[in-house]
N, C-alpha and C. Protein backbone atom coordinates (compact mmCIF):
# COMPACT_ATOMS: atom_id res chain seq x y z
N MET A 1 -0.66 0.71 11.98
CA MET A 1 -0.61 2.19 11.68
C MET A 1 -1.74 2.42 10.48
N GLY A 2 -1.73 1.48 9.35
CA GLY A 2 -2.57 1.19 8.27
C GLY A 2 -4.05 1.31 8.88
N ILE A 3 -4.45 0.55 9.91
CA ILE A 3 -5.68 0.50 10.36
C ILE A 3 -6.13 1.91 10.91
N GLU A 4 -5.12 2.46 11.48
CA GLU A 4 -5.46 3.75 11.99
C GLU A 4 -5.64 4.98 11.33
N GLN A 5 -5.04 4.64 10.02
CA GLN A 5 -5.20 6.01 8.75
C GLN A 5 -6.14 5.52 8.08
N GLY A 6 -7.05 4.44 8.15
CA GLY A 6 -8.17 3.94 7.57
C GLY A 6 -7.88 3.18 6.01
N LEU A 7 -6.99 2.85 6.10
CA LEU A 7 -6.71 1.88 4.81
C LEU A 7 -7.36 0.56 5.29
N THR A 8 -7.59 -0.29 4.02
CA THR A 8 -8.08 -1.65 3.98
C THR A 8 -6.64 -2.45 3.66
N PHE A 9 -7.15 -3.46 4.33
CA PHE A 9 -6.20 -4.62 4.02
C PHE A 9 -6.69 -5.93 3.67
N VAL A 10 -6.15 -6.77 2.58
CA VAL A 10 -6.52 -7.90 2.25
C VAL A 10 -5.59 -9.03 2.64
N VAL A 11 -6.00 -9.75 3.29
CA VAL A 11 -5.25 -10.62 3.77
C VAL A 11 -5.57 -12.04 2.89
N LYS A 12 -4.49 -12.94 2.93
CA LYS A 12 -4.36 -13.98 1.81
C LYS A 12 -4.66 -15.19 2.54
N SER A 13 -4.84 -15.32 3.62
CA SER A 13 -4.82 -16.85 4.27
C SER A 13 -6.44 -17.32 4.22
N PHE A 14 -6.49 -18.58 4.51
CA PHE A 14 -7.72 -19.38 4.57
C PHE A 14 -7.74 -20.07 5.72
N ASN A 15 -6.58 -19.77 6.47
CA ASN A 15 -6.46 -21.07 7.45
C ASN A 15 -6.80 -20.14 8.54
N LYS A 16 -8.02 -20.77 9.68
CA LYS A 16 -8.75 -20.19 10.25
C LYS A 16 -7.98 -19.75 11.67
N GLU A 17 -6.88 -20.32 11.96
CA GLU A 17 -6.04 -19.93 13.37
C GLU A 17 -5.14 -18.60 13.04
N ARG A 18 -4.88 -18.93 11.67
CA ARG A 18 -4.30 -17.55 11.12
C ARG A 18 -4.87 -16.36 10.81
N MET A 19 -5.94 -16.61 10.54
CA MET A 19 -7.06 -15.59 10.32
C MET A 19 -7.61 -14.80 11.78
N ARG A 20 -7.68 -15.86 12.81
CA ARG A 20 -7.69 -15.19 13.90
C ARG A 20 -6.66 -14.95 14.37
N GLU A 21 -5.73 -15.28 14.36
CA GLU A 21 -4.16 -14.34 14.56
C GLU A 21 -4.14 -12.85 14.04
N ASN A 22 -4.68 -12.90 12.59
CA ASN A 22 -4.43 -11.67 12.22
C ASN A 22 -5.45 -10.38 12.71
N LEU A 23 -6.53 -11.10 13.40
CA LEU A 23 -7.58 -10.09 13.91
C LEU A 23 -7.19 -9.86 15.52
N ARG A 24 -5.79 -10.31 15.85
CA ARG A 24 -5.45 -9.96 16.98
C ARG A 24 -4.33 -8.69 17.26
N ILE A 25 -4.86 -7.81 15.93
CA ILE A 25 -3.90 -6.53 16.06
C ILE A 25 -4.46 -5.39 16.82
N PHE A 26 -5.53 -5.43 17.33
CA PHE A 26 -6.28 -4.33 18.08
C PHE A 26 -6.05 -4.33 19.75
N ASP A 27 -5.08 -5.23 19.97
CA ASP A 27 -4.62 -4.94 21.50
C ASP A 27 -3.13 -4.25 21.54
N TRP A 28 -2.71 -3.21 20.80
CA TRP A 28 -1.58 -2.42 20.75
C TRP A 28 -1.65 -1.57 19.80
N GLU A 29 -0.93 -0.42 20.28
CA GLU A 29 -0.81 0.65 19.38
C GLU A 29 0.56 1.13 19.28
N LEU A 30 1.01 2.26 18.23
CA LEU A 30 2.49 2.89 17.99
C LEU A 30 2.26 4.00 18.98
N SER A 31 3.41 4.45 19.75
CA SER A 31 3.67 5.86 20.37
C SER A 31 3.73 6.84 19.46
N SER A 32 3.48 8.06 19.56
CA SER A 32 3.64 9.24 18.60
C SER A 32 4.97 9.08 18.18
N ASP A 33 6.13 8.52 19.01
CA ASP A 33 7.23 8.68 18.35
C ASP A 33 7.45 7.64 17.28
N ASP A 34 6.88 6.60 17.75
CA ASP A 34 6.96 5.54 16.45
C ASP A 34 6.39 6.25 15.40
N TYR A 35 5.07 6.49 15.39
CA TYR A 35 4.76 7.58 14.26
C TYR A 35 5.67 8.23 13.39
N LYS A 36 6.24 9.31 14.31
CA LYS A 36 6.83 10.28 13.53
C LYS A 36 8.32 9.54 13.01
N HIS A 37 8.63 8.43 13.24
CA HIS A 37 9.78 7.79 12.51
C HIS A 37 9.39 7.29 11.14
N ILE A 38 8.04 6.27 11.35
CA ILE A 38 7.61 5.98 10.35
C ILE A 38 7.51 6.81 9.08
N ASN A 39 6.95 7.97 9.62
CA ASN A 39 6.40 8.97 8.49
C ASN A 39 7.49 9.92 7.88
N GLU A 40 8.86 9.62 8.72
CA GLU A 40 10.08 10.10 7.96
C GLU A 40 10.62 9.02 6.96
N ILE A 41 10.20 7.91 6.72
CA ILE A 41 10.68 7.01 6.09
C ILE A 41 10.30 7.65 4.34
N LYS A 42 11.06 7.60 3.54
CA LYS A 42 10.78 8.03 2.32
C LYS A 42 10.08 7.00 1.50
N GLN A 43 8.89 7.38 1.09
CA GLN A 43 8.00 6.66 0.22
C GLN A 43 8.21 6.42 -1.08
N HIS A 44 8.02 5.39 -1.80
CA HIS A 44 7.99 5.06 -2.96
C HIS A 44 6.97 4.21 -3.62
N ARG A 45 5.81 5.34 -4.07
CA ARG A 45 4.36 4.92 -4.25
C ARG A 45 4.24 4.58 -5.44
N LEU A 46 4.81 4.90 -6.46
CA LEU A 46 4.83 4.78 -7.87
C LEU A 46 5.67 3.92 -8.36
N LYS A 47 5.66 2.59 -9.06
CA LYS A 47 6.61 1.89 -10.09
C LYS A 47 6.25 2.40 -11.63
N PRO A 48 6.88 3.30 -12.21
CA PRO A 48 6.64 3.57 -13.28
C PRO A 48 6.22 2.81 -14.35
N LYS A 49 6.73 1.32 -14.52
CA LYS A 49 6.46 0.04 -15.24
C LYS A 49 6.18 0.44 -16.77
N PRO A 50 7.47 1.08 -17.33
CA PRO A 50 7.35 1.21 -18.84
C PRO A 50 6.74 0.28 -19.80
N GLU A 51 7.09 -1.07 -18.96
CA GLU A 51 6.57 -1.92 -20.11
C GLU A 51 5.03 -2.35 -20.39
N MET A 52 4.42 -1.34 -19.47
CA MET A 52 2.95 -1.23 -19.65
C MET A 52 2.33 -0.08 -20.74
N VAL A 53 3.32 0.50 -21.13
CA VAL A 53 2.99 1.85 -22.07
C VAL A 53 3.14 0.79 -23.86
N SER A 54 2.35 1.27 -24.43
CA SER A 54 2.50 0.92 -25.82
C SER A 54 1.67 1.81 -26.61
N PRO A 55 2.31 2.20 -28.03
CA PRO A 55 1.60 2.85 -28.88
C PRO A 55 0.17 2.42 -29.33
N ASN A 56 0.31 0.87 -29.16
CA ASN A 56 -0.77 0.03 -29.56
C ASN A 56 -1.80 -0.47 -28.22
N GLY A 57 -1.57 -0.15 -27.45
CA GLY A 57 -2.22 -0.34 -25.99
C GLY A 57 -3.00 0.79 -25.54
N PRO A 58 -3.64 0.38 -24.30
CA PRO A 58 -4.49 1.68 -23.97
C PRO A 58 -4.14 2.85 -23.08
N PHE A 59 -2.48 2.45 -22.87
CA PHE A 59 -1.82 3.70 -22.38
C PHE A 59 -0.44 3.80 -23.19
N LYS A 60 -0.58 5.14 -23.55
CA LYS A 60 0.40 5.45 -24.79
C LYS A 60 1.60 6.24 -24.04
N SER A 61 1.18 6.21 -22.83
CA SER A 61 2.88 7.04 -22.05
C SER A 61 2.45 6.83 -20.53
N LEU A 62 3.52 7.11 -19.92
CA LEU A 62 3.66 7.06 -18.34
C LEU A 62 2.51 7.65 -17.49
N GLU A 63 2.45 9.52 -17.82
CA GLU A 63 1.53 10.04 -17.31
C GLU A 63 0.36 9.73 -17.53
N GLU A 64 -0.32 8.78 -18.85
CA GLU A 64 -1.46 8.20 -19.16
C GLU A 64 -2.14 7.22 -17.89
N LEU A 65 -1.09 6.43 -17.70
CA LEU A 65 -1.16 4.89 -16.86
C LEU A 65 -0.97 5.76 -15.48
N TRP A 66 -0.47 6.77 -14.91
CA TRP A 66 -0.63 6.87 -13.76
C TRP A 66 -1.39 8.64 -13.50
N ASP A 67 -2.49 8.71 -14.58
CA ASP A 67 -3.46 9.83 -14.95
C ASP A 67 -2.64 10.92 -14.37
N GLY A 68 -1.46 11.55 -14.68
CA GLY A 68 -0.44 12.63 -14.40
C GLY A 68 0.11 12.85 -13.16
N GLU A 69 0.03 11.53 -12.29
CA GLU A 69 0.58 11.78 -11.22
C GLU A 69 2.16 11.44 -11.29
N ILE A 70 2.96 11.52 -12.12
CA ILE A 70 4.13 11.30 -11.65
C ILE A 70 5.07 12.35 -11.54
């Protein structure tokens, strides 16, 4: 689904066989019904991370940390 939506993935394996296995993702596809069900899953894209906000740091508020996307 991610590849079909134009997303980029970073794999963490340096094992050659595992890397070959990772490339075998192109021999199947999701049905339109599968897409429908996946798209109905509630998304949690932002983690507020209040511990990354500080009056003395580069991000003074959560809004500043997330460029107003909260």
